Amino acid sequence: MIEFRLNSNSGVSPYQQIVQQVKSALRLGRLRVGDQLPTVKHVVGKIAINPNTVLKAYRELEHEGLVAARPGIGTFVVNSYDETTYAAQRTLRRSLEVWIEKARRAGLDDESIEALFVDTFLFSPKELVR
C-alpha cells in the first residue's frame, strides 16, 4: 500500500502532492489496477492532514478516471499507465542509482544532486533525449 509523504517546503499544495504521488506510483508500477488506496482515516492518522484535503485528492484522481470510490469499502485503482515501460524503468533506475552514487562520491549533497538532475532534465536540448 502506498504511504503518502508531504513536503511543506515544496510549494505544492498537500492535496496536489497526494495526487502526484499516486500518479507516480502508477507510472512506476507500485500501484496497479485493483489496488486499494489508504483510507482517508489512515492517511489523516499517518500524516496529520485535514480529511477534506485527502478527499479532494481522491476526487481529482477519480475525475481523471484513475481510481473509483466504493462506498463503505474504499478507493481502488481502476486505470493505470502503460505497463510495458516497467521493464525499461528497472534498467534505467539502476543506471540512475549508479549516477547518484557517483554524484555522492564527488561530494554533492542530496539537494545539489536533485538540483543538477532537475536542471539537466528541464534545460537539456530535447533532441539529446530522443
N, C-alpha and C. Protein backbone atom coordinates (compact mmCIF):
# COMPACT_ATOMS: atom_id res chain seq x y z
N MET A 1 0.85 -1.18 0.00
CA MET A 1 0.00 0.00 0.00
C MET A 1 0.89 1.24 0.00
N ILE A 2 0.48 2.24 -0.71
CA ILE A 2 1.22 3.49 -0.80
C ILE A 2 1.13 4.24 0.53
N GLU A 3 2.23 4.85 0.92
CA GLU A 3 2.27 5.71 2.10
C GLU A 3 2.61 7.11 1.62
N PHE A 4 1.76 8.06 1.90
CA PHE A 4 1.96 9.42 1.44
C PHE A 4 2.91 10.17 2.37
N ARG A 5 3.69 11.06 1.76
CA ARG A 5 4.59 11.93 2.50
C ARG A 5 4.39 13.35 1.98
N LEU A 6 4.30 14.29 2.88
CA LEU A 6 4.12 15.67 2.48
C LEU A 6 5.40 16.46 2.72
N ASN A 7 5.69 17.34 1.77
CA ASN A 7 6.84 18.23 1.88
C ASN A 7 6.31 19.65 2.00
N SER A 8 6.38 20.20 3.19
CA SER A 8 5.82 21.54 3.43
C SER A 8 6.64 22.63 2.76
N ASN A 9 7.84 22.30 2.30
CA ASN A 9 8.70 23.29 1.65
C ASN A 9 8.62 23.25 0.13
N SER A 10 7.80 22.38 -0.41
CA SER A 10 7.79 22.18 -1.87
C SER A 10 7.06 23.28 -2.64
N GLY A 11 6.17 23.99 -1.97
CA GLY A 11 5.37 24.98 -2.67
C GLY A 11 4.18 24.37 -3.40
N VAL A 12 4.01 23.06 -3.27
CA VAL A 12 2.89 22.34 -3.89
C VAL A 12 1.88 22.04 -2.79
N SER A 13 0.61 22.28 -3.09
CA SER A 13 -0.43 22.07 -2.07
C SER A 13 -0.46 20.59 -1.65
N PRO A 14 -0.84 20.33 -0.40
CA PRO A 14 -0.88 18.95 0.09
C PRO A 14 -1.75 18.02 -0.76
N TYR A 15 -2.92 18.49 -1.19
CA TYR A 15 -3.77 17.61 -1.98
C TYR A 15 -3.09 17.27 -3.31
N GLN A 16 -2.40 18.25 -3.90
CA GLN A 16 -1.72 18.02 -5.17
C GLN A 16 -0.54 17.07 -4.98
N GLN A 17 0.13 17.14 -3.84
CA GLN A 17 1.21 16.20 -3.56
C GLN A 17 0.69 14.76 -3.52
N ILE A 18 -0.49 14.58 -2.92
CA ILE A 18 -1.09 13.24 -2.89
C ILE A 18 -1.41 12.77 -4.30
N VAL A 19 -2.01 13.63 -5.10
CA VAL A 19 -2.33 13.29 -6.49
C VAL A 19 -1.05 12.90 -7.23
N GLN A 20 0.00 13.70 -7.10
CA GLN A 20 1.26 13.42 -7.79
C GLN A 20 1.87 12.10 -7.34
N GLN A 21 1.78 11.81 -6.04
CA GLN A 21 2.35 10.57 -5.53
C GLN A 21 1.60 9.35 -6.05
N VAL A 22 0.29 9.45 -6.17
CA VAL A 22 -0.48 8.33 -6.73
C VAL A 22 -0.11 8.14 -8.20
N LYS A 23 -0.06 9.23 -8.96
CA LYS A 23 0.29 9.13 -10.38
C LYS A 23 1.69 8.56 -10.56
N SER A 24 2.62 8.99 -9.74
CA SER A 24 3.98 8.47 -9.81
C SER A 24 4.00 6.97 -9.50
N ALA A 25 3.27 6.57 -8.48
CA ALA A 25 3.22 5.15 -8.12
C ALA A 25 2.60 4.32 -9.25
N LEU A 26 1.64 4.88 -9.96
CA LEU A 26 1.06 4.19 -11.11
C LEU A 26 2.08 4.08 -12.24
N ARG A 27 2.79 5.15 -12.52
CA ARG A 27 3.78 5.14 -13.59
C ARG A 27 4.91 4.17 -13.31
N LEU A 28 5.26 4.01 -12.04
CA LEU A 28 6.38 3.15 -11.66
C LEU A 28 5.95 1.72 -11.37
N GLY A 29 4.66 1.45 -11.46
CA GLY A 29 4.18 0.10 -11.21
C GLY A 29 4.05 -0.26 -9.74
N ARG A 30 4.16 0.72 -8.86
CA ARG A 30 4.00 0.46 -7.43
C ARG A 30 2.53 0.33 -7.06
N LEU A 31 1.67 0.93 -7.86
CA LEU A 31 0.22 0.75 -7.74
C LEU A 31 -0.27 0.18 -9.05
N ARG A 32 -1.18 -0.77 -8.96
CA ARG A 32 -1.73 -1.40 -10.15
C ARG A 32 -3.25 -1.45 -10.04
N VAL A 33 -3.88 -1.70 -11.15
CA VAL A 33 -5.34 -1.81 -11.18
C VAL A 33 -5.76 -2.85 -10.14
N GLY A 34 -6.75 -2.46 -9.33
CA GLY A 34 -7.25 -3.34 -8.28
C GLY A 34 -6.71 -3.02 -6.90
N ASP A 35 -5.58 -2.31 -6.85
CA ASP A 35 -5.00 -1.95 -5.55
C ASP A 35 -5.88 -0.91 -4.86
N GLN A 36 -5.90 -0.99 -3.55
CA GLN A 36 -6.68 -0.05 -2.76
C GLN A 36 -5.78 1.06 -2.23
N LEU A 37 -6.26 2.29 -2.33
CA LEU A 37 -5.56 3.42 -1.72
C LEU A 37 -5.84 3.39 -0.22
N PRO A 38 -4.96 3.99 0.58
CA PRO A 38 -5.22 4.05 2.01
C PRO A 38 -6.53 4.79 2.29
N THR A 39 -7.21 4.39 3.32
CA THR A 39 -8.44 5.09 3.67
C THR A 39 -8.10 6.51 4.12
N VAL A 40 -9.08 7.38 4.01
CA VAL A 40 -8.89 8.77 4.44
C VAL A 40 -8.46 8.78 5.91
N LYS A 41 -9.11 7.97 6.72
CA LYS A 41 -8.80 7.91 8.14
C LYS A 41 -7.34 7.50 8.36
N HIS A 42 -6.85 6.54 7.59
CA HIS A 42 -5.46 6.09 7.71
C HIS A 42 -4.50 7.22 7.35
N VAL A 43 -4.77 7.90 6.25
CA VAL A 43 -3.89 9.00 5.80
C VAL A 43 -3.88 10.12 6.84
N VAL A 44 -5.05 10.49 7.33
CA VAL A 44 -5.15 11.54 8.34
C VAL A 44 -4.33 11.17 9.58
N GLY A 45 -4.42 9.91 9.99
CA GLY A 45 -3.68 9.45 11.16
C GLY A 45 -2.17 9.42 10.96
N LYS A 46 -1.74 9.12 9.75
CA LYS A 46 -0.32 9.00 9.46
C LYS A 46 0.38 10.33 9.25
N ILE A 47 -0.27 11.26 8.54
CA ILE A 47 0.43 12.50 8.19
C ILE A 47 -0.26 13.76 8.71
N ALA A 48 -1.20 13.61 9.62
CA ALA A 48 -1.85 14.75 10.26
C ALA A 48 -2.30 15.79 9.23
N ILE A 49 -3.24 15.39 8.41
CA ILE A 49 -3.76 16.24 7.34
C ILE A 49 -5.27 16.31 7.48
N ASN A 50 -5.86 17.36 7.00
CA ASN A 50 -7.31 17.51 7.04
C ASN A 50 -7.96 16.45 6.14
N PRO A 51 -8.99 15.77 6.62
CA PRO A 51 -9.65 14.75 5.80
C PRO A 51 -10.16 15.29 4.46
N ASN A 52 -10.61 16.56 4.46
CA ASN A 52 -11.12 17.14 3.21
C ASN A 52 -10.02 17.26 2.15
N THR A 53 -8.78 17.42 2.59
CA THR A 53 -7.65 17.50 1.65
C THR A 53 -7.45 16.16 0.96
N VAL A 54 -7.52 15.10 1.73
CA VAL A 54 -7.38 13.75 1.15
C VAL A 54 -8.54 13.46 0.22
N LEU A 55 -9.75 13.81 0.66
CA LEU A 55 -10.93 13.59 -0.18
C LEU A 55 -10.83 14.36 -1.49
N LYS A 56 -10.32 15.58 -1.43
CA LYS A 56 -10.16 16.39 -2.64
C LYS A 56 -9.18 15.71 -3.60
N ALA A 57 -8.09 15.19 -3.09
CA ALA A 57 -7.11 14.49 -3.94
C ALA A 57 -7.74 13.24 -4.56
N TYR A 58 -8.45 12.46 -3.75
CA TYR A 58 -9.08 11.24 -4.25
C TYR A 58 -10.15 11.57 -5.29
N ARG A 59 -10.90 12.66 -5.07
CA ARG A 59 -11.91 13.07 -6.06
C ARG A 59 -11.26 13.46 -7.38
N GLU A 60 -10.13 14.17 -7.31
CA GLU A 60 -9.44 14.54 -8.55
C GLU A 60 -8.96 13.30 -9.30
N LEU A 61 -8.41 12.36 -8.57
CA LEU A 61 -7.96 11.11 -9.20
C LEU A 61 -9.13 10.34 -9.79
N GLU A 62 -10.26 10.41 -9.11
CA GLU A 62 -11.47 9.75 -9.62
C GLU A 62 -11.96 10.47 -10.88
N HIS A 63 -11.94 11.78 -10.86
CA HIS A 63 -12.36 12.58 -12.02
C HIS A 63 -11.49 12.26 -13.24
N GLU A 64 -10.20 11.98 -13.00
CA GLU A 64 -9.28 11.65 -14.08
C GLU A 64 -9.41 10.19 -14.52
N GLY A 65 -10.27 9.43 -13.85
CA GLY A 65 -10.51 8.05 -14.25
C GLY A 65 -9.46 7.06 -13.77
N LEU A 66 -8.67 7.45 -12.78
CA LEU A 66 -7.61 6.57 -12.29
C LEU A 66 -8.06 5.71 -11.11
N VAL A 67 -8.98 6.24 -10.30
CA VAL A 67 -9.48 5.49 -9.15
C VAL A 67 -11.00 5.57 -9.11
N ALA A 68 -11.58 4.69 -8.33
CA ALA A 68 -13.03 4.73 -8.12
C ALA A 68 -13.30 4.43 -6.65
N ALA A 69 -14.20 5.22 -6.08
CA ALA A 69 -14.60 5.01 -4.69
C ALA A 69 -15.70 3.97 -4.65
N ARG A 70 -15.59 3.06 -3.72
CA ARG A 70 -16.64 2.08 -3.46
C ARG A 70 -17.14 2.35 -2.05
N PRO A 71 -18.30 2.99 -1.96
CA PRO A 71 -18.81 3.41 -0.65
C PRO A 71 -18.79 2.27 0.37
N GLY A 72 -18.22 2.57 1.53
CA GLY A 72 -18.15 1.61 2.60
C GLY A 72 -17.01 0.62 2.48
N ILE A 73 -16.32 0.63 1.34
CA ILE A 73 -15.23 -0.33 1.11
C ILE A 73 -13.88 0.39 0.99
N GLY A 74 -13.83 1.42 0.15
CA GLY A 74 -12.58 2.14 -0.04
C GLY A 74 -12.45 2.69 -1.45
N THR A 75 -11.26 3.18 -1.76
CA THR A 75 -10.96 3.74 -3.07
C THR A 75 -9.94 2.84 -3.75
N PHE A 76 -10.25 2.44 -4.99
CA PHE A 76 -9.43 1.46 -5.69
C PHE A 76 -8.94 1.99 -7.03
N VAL A 77 -7.76 1.55 -7.42
CA VAL A 77 -7.20 1.90 -8.72
C VAL A 77 -8.00 1.16 -9.79
N VAL A 78 -8.48 1.90 -10.78
CA VAL A 78 -9.26 1.29 -11.86
C VAL A 78 -8.61 1.48 -13.22
N ASN A 79 -7.56 2.30 -13.27
CA ASN A 79 -6.88 2.55 -14.53
C ASN A 79 -5.43 2.86 -14.22
N SER A 80 -4.55 2.57 -15.16
CA SER A 80 -3.14 2.82 -14.93
C SER A 80 -2.51 3.35 -16.19
N TYR A 81 -1.20 3.47 -16.16
CA TYR A 81 -0.45 3.90 -17.33
C TYR A 81 0.12 2.66 -18.02
N ASP A 82 0.76 2.85 -19.13
CA ASP A 82 1.29 1.76 -19.95
C ASP A 82 2.25 0.88 -19.16
N GLU A 83 1.89 -0.38 -18.95
CA GLU A 83 2.72 -1.30 -18.17
C GLU A 83 3.95 -1.79 -18.92
N THR A 84 4.02 -1.58 -20.23
CA THR A 84 5.17 -2.07 -20.99
C THR A 84 6.45 -1.31 -20.63
N THR A 85 6.33 -0.19 -19.98
CA THR A 85 7.52 0.59 -19.63
C THR A 85 8.17 0.13 -18.33
N TYR A 86 7.53 -0.74 -17.57
CA TYR A 86 8.08 -1.14 -16.27
C TYR A 86 9.44 -1.81 -16.39
N ALA A 87 9.63 -2.69 -17.35
CA ALA A 87 10.91 -3.38 -17.51
C ALA A 87 12.00 -2.37 -17.87
N ALA A 88 11.71 -1.45 -18.75
CA ALA A 88 12.69 -0.43 -19.12
C ALA A 88 13.02 0.44 -17.92
N GLN A 89 12.04 0.72 -17.10
CA GLN A 89 12.27 1.56 -15.93
C GLN A 89 13.24 0.91 -14.95
N ARG A 90 13.15 -0.41 -14.82
CA ARG A 90 14.06 -1.11 -13.90
C ARG A 90 15.51 -0.89 -14.31
N THR A 91 15.79 -1.03 -15.60
CA THR A 91 17.15 -0.83 -16.11
C THR A 91 17.59 0.61 -15.94
N LEU A 92 16.71 1.54 -16.28
CA LEU A 92 17.05 2.95 -16.15
C LEU A 92 17.23 3.35 -14.69
N ARG A 93 16.41 2.78 -13.82
CA ARG A 93 16.55 3.07 -12.38
C ARG A 93 17.93 2.67 -11.89
N ARG A 94 18.40 1.51 -12.33
CA ARG A 94 19.73 1.04 -11.90
C ARG A 94 20.81 2.02 -12.38
N SER A 95 20.69 2.48 -13.63
CA SER A 95 21.66 3.45 -14.16
C SER A 95 21.61 4.75 -13.36
N LEU A 96 20.41 5.18 -13.01
CA LEU A 96 20.26 6.40 -12.22
C LEU A 96 20.84 6.22 -10.82
N GLU A 97 20.66 5.05 -10.22
CA GLU A 97 21.23 4.78 -8.90
C GLU A 97 22.76 4.85 -8.95
N VAL A 98 23.35 4.33 -10.01
CA VAL A 98 24.80 4.39 -10.18
C VAL A 98 25.24 5.85 -10.32
N TRP A 99 24.50 6.63 -11.11
CA TRP A 99 24.82 8.04 -11.29
C TRP A 99 24.73 8.79 -9.96
N ILE A 100 23.70 8.52 -9.18
CA ILE A 100 23.54 9.18 -7.88
C ILE A 100 24.70 8.83 -6.96
N GLU A 101 25.11 7.58 -6.96
CA GLU A 101 26.24 7.18 -6.13
C GLU A 101 27.52 7.90 -6.56
N LYS A 102 27.73 8.05 -7.86
CA LYS A 102 28.90 8.80 -8.36
C LYS A 102 28.83 10.26 -7.91
N ALA A 103 27.63 10.84 -7.95
CA ALA A 103 27.47 12.23 -7.53
C ALA A 103 27.78 12.37 -6.05
N ARG A 104 27.36 11.42 -5.25
CA ARG A 104 27.65 11.48 -3.81
C ARG A 104 29.15 11.33 -3.55
N ARG A 105 29.80 10.42 -4.29
CA ARG A 105 31.25 10.26 -4.12
C ARG A 105 31.99 11.53 -4.55
N ALA A 106 31.40 12.28 -5.47
CA ALA A 106 32.01 13.53 -5.92
C ALA A 106 31.77 14.66 -4.91
N GLY A 107 31.02 14.38 -3.86
CA GLY A 107 30.83 15.36 -2.80
C GLY A 107 29.52 16.14 -2.85
N LEU A 108 28.63 15.80 -3.76
CA LEU A 108 27.36 16.52 -3.84
C LEU A 108 26.41 16.02 -2.76
N ASP A 109 25.70 16.95 -2.11
CA ASP A 109 24.67 16.55 -1.16
C ASP A 109 23.37 16.30 -1.93
N ASP A 110 22.36 15.80 -1.24
CA ASP A 110 21.11 15.42 -1.91
C ASP A 110 20.45 16.59 -2.63
N GLU A 111 20.47 17.77 -2.02
CA GLU A 111 19.84 18.93 -2.65
C GLU A 111 20.58 19.31 -3.93
N SER A 112 21.90 19.20 -3.92
CA SER A 112 22.69 19.52 -5.12
C SER A 112 22.45 18.49 -6.22
N ILE A 113 22.33 17.24 -5.83
CA ILE A 113 22.05 16.18 -6.81
C ILE A 113 20.69 16.43 -7.45
N GLU A 114 19.70 16.73 -6.63
CA GLU A 114 18.36 16.99 -7.15
C GLU A 114 18.37 18.21 -8.08
N ALA A 115 19.05 19.27 -7.67
CA ALA A 115 19.11 20.48 -8.49
C ALA A 115 19.77 20.19 -9.84
N LEU A 116 20.85 19.43 -9.83
CA LEU A 116 21.54 19.08 -11.07
C LEU A 116 20.66 18.23 -11.97
N PHE A 117 19.98 17.26 -11.38
CA PHE A 117 19.09 16.40 -12.18
C PHE A 117 17.95 17.22 -12.79
N VAL A 118 17.28 18.01 -11.97
CA VAL A 118 16.14 18.80 -12.46
C VAL A 118 16.59 19.79 -13.52
N ASP A 119 17.70 20.47 -13.29
CA ASP A 119 18.20 21.43 -14.26
C ASP A 119 18.53 20.74 -15.58
N THR A 120 19.17 19.60 -15.50
CA THR A 120 19.52 18.85 -16.72
C THR A 120 18.26 18.37 -17.42
N PHE A 121 17.32 17.87 -16.65
CA PHE A 121 16.07 17.36 -17.24
C PHE A 121 15.29 18.47 -17.92
N LEU A 122 15.19 19.62 -17.27
CA LEU A 122 14.38 20.71 -17.79
C LEU A 122 15.04 21.50 -18.91
N PHE A 123 16.37 21.60 -18.85
CA PHE A 123 17.01 22.55 -19.77
C PHE A 123 17.96 21.93 -20.79
N SER A 124 18.08 20.61 -20.80
CA SER A 124 18.88 19.98 -21.85
C SER A 124 18.09 20.02 -23.15
N PRO A 125 18.78 20.19 -24.27
CA PRO A 125 18.06 20.18 -25.55
C PRO A 125 17.30 18.86 -25.72
N LYS A 126 16.04 18.97 -26.09
CA LYS A 126 15.18 17.79 -26.19
C LYS A 126 15.71 16.80 -27.23
N GLU A 127 16.41 17.29 -28.25
CA GLU A 127 16.91 16.37 -29.28
C GLU A 127 17.97 15.42 -28.73
N LEU A 128 18.61 15.76 -27.59
CA LEU A 128 19.56 14.84 -26.97
C LEU A 128 18.84 13.65 -26.34
N VAL A 129 17.60 13.85 -25.96
CA VAL A 129 16.84 12.81 -25.28
C VAL A 129 16.29 11.79 -26.27
N ARG A 130 16.05 12.20 -27.46
CA ARG A 130 15.41 11.32 -28.45
C ARG A 130 16.34 10.35 -29.07
